[in-house]
Protein backbone atom coordinates (compact mmCIF):
# COMPACT_ATOMS: atom_id res chain seq x y z
CA UNK A 1 19.15 4.51 5.64
CA UNK A 2 15.52 3.60 5.12
CA UNK A 3 14.45 2.84 1.51
CA UNK A 4 12.11 5.34 -0.11
CA UNK A 5 9.54 2.78 -1.28
CA UNK A 6 8.30 -0.12 0.85
CA UNK A 7 5.54 -2.73 0.51
CA UNK A 8 2.50 -2.42 2.80
CA UNK A 9 -0.76 -4.39 2.98
CA UNK A 10 -3.55 -2.82 0.94
CA UNK A 11 -6.53 -1.19 2.61
CA UNK A 12 -10.11 -1.61 1.41
CA UNK A 13 -11.34 1.09 -0.96
CA UNK A 14 -14.87 1.14 0.48
CA UNK A 15 -15.62 3.80 3.04
CA UNK A 16 -15.79 2.67 6.65
CA UNK A 17 -19.04 2.76 8.56
CA UNK A 18 -19.49 3.03 12.28
CA UNK A 19 -21.29 0.41 14.30
CA UNK A 20 -21.49 1.01 18.05
CA UNK A 21 -18.46 3.27 17.94
CA UNK A 22 -16.23 0.73 16.20
CA UNK A 23 -14.98 1.24 12.66
CA UNK A 24 -15.72 -1.55 10.18
CA UNK A 25 -14.90 -1.88 6.49
CA UNK A 26 -17.41 -3.46 4.17
CA UNK A 27 -14.77 -4.74 1.73
CA UNK A 28 -12.05 -7.32 2.12
CA UNK A 29 -8.42 -6.27 2.36
CA UNK A 30 -6.48 -8.08 -0.34
CA UNK A 31 -3.28 -7.20 -2.12
CA UNK A 32 -0.33 -4.93 -1.47
CA UNK A 33 0.43 -1.24 -2.03
CA UNK A 34 3.68 0.67 -2.28
CA UNK A 35 4.30 3.33 0.36
CA UNK A 36 6.51 6.35 -0.36
CA UNK A 37 8.45 7.22 2.82
CA UNK A 38 9.40 10.66 1.46
CA UNK A 39 5.93 11.82 0.39
CA UNK A 40 4.25 9.86 3.23
CA UNK A 41 1.56 8.37 1.00
CA UNK A 42 0.38 5.12 -0.54
CA UNK A 43 0.90 4.70 -4.26
CA UNK A 44 -1.43 2.98 -6.70
CA UNK A 45 -1.90 0.48 -8.32
CA UNK A 46 -2.52 -2.30 -5.82
CA UNK A 47 -0.64 -5.54 -6.51
CA UNK A 48 -2.31 -8.92 -6.00
CA UNK A 49 0.94 -10.72 -5.17
CA UNK A 50 3.51 -9.56 -2.65
CA UNK A 51 6.30 -10.70 -5.00
CA UNK A 52 5.02 -8.34 -7.72
CA UNK A 53 4.87 -5.44 -5.25
CA UNK A 54 8.38 -6.18 -3.99
CA UNK A 55 9.74 -6.32 -7.55
CA UNK A 56 8.21 -2.92 -8.37
CA UNK A 57 9.46 -1.53 -5.06
CA UNK A 58 13.00 -2.73 -5.80
CA UNK A 59 12.82 -1.27 -9.33
CA UNK A 60 11.70 2.14 -8.03
CA UNK A 61 14.31 2.22 -5.26
CA UNK A 62 17.15 1.29 -7.64
CA UNK A 63 16.04 3.73 -10.35
CA UNK A 64 15.44 6.58 -7.92
CA UNK A 65 11.93 7.06 -9.29
CA UNK A 66 9.98 9.61 -7.33
């Protein structure tokens, strides 16, 4: 069975802009988000370290937080 919460790379918060039909982001992508496989959405906050995100992910999966 797939865990409810998983760690995914963060996406930039700035809006993309189009340049010659290609999508670019003006901000850098740093950090990690949690993704809820049941609700099909990214959760906030963004974690700077993958280890911190994995610890929170493990805590939520074990506690059944939803």
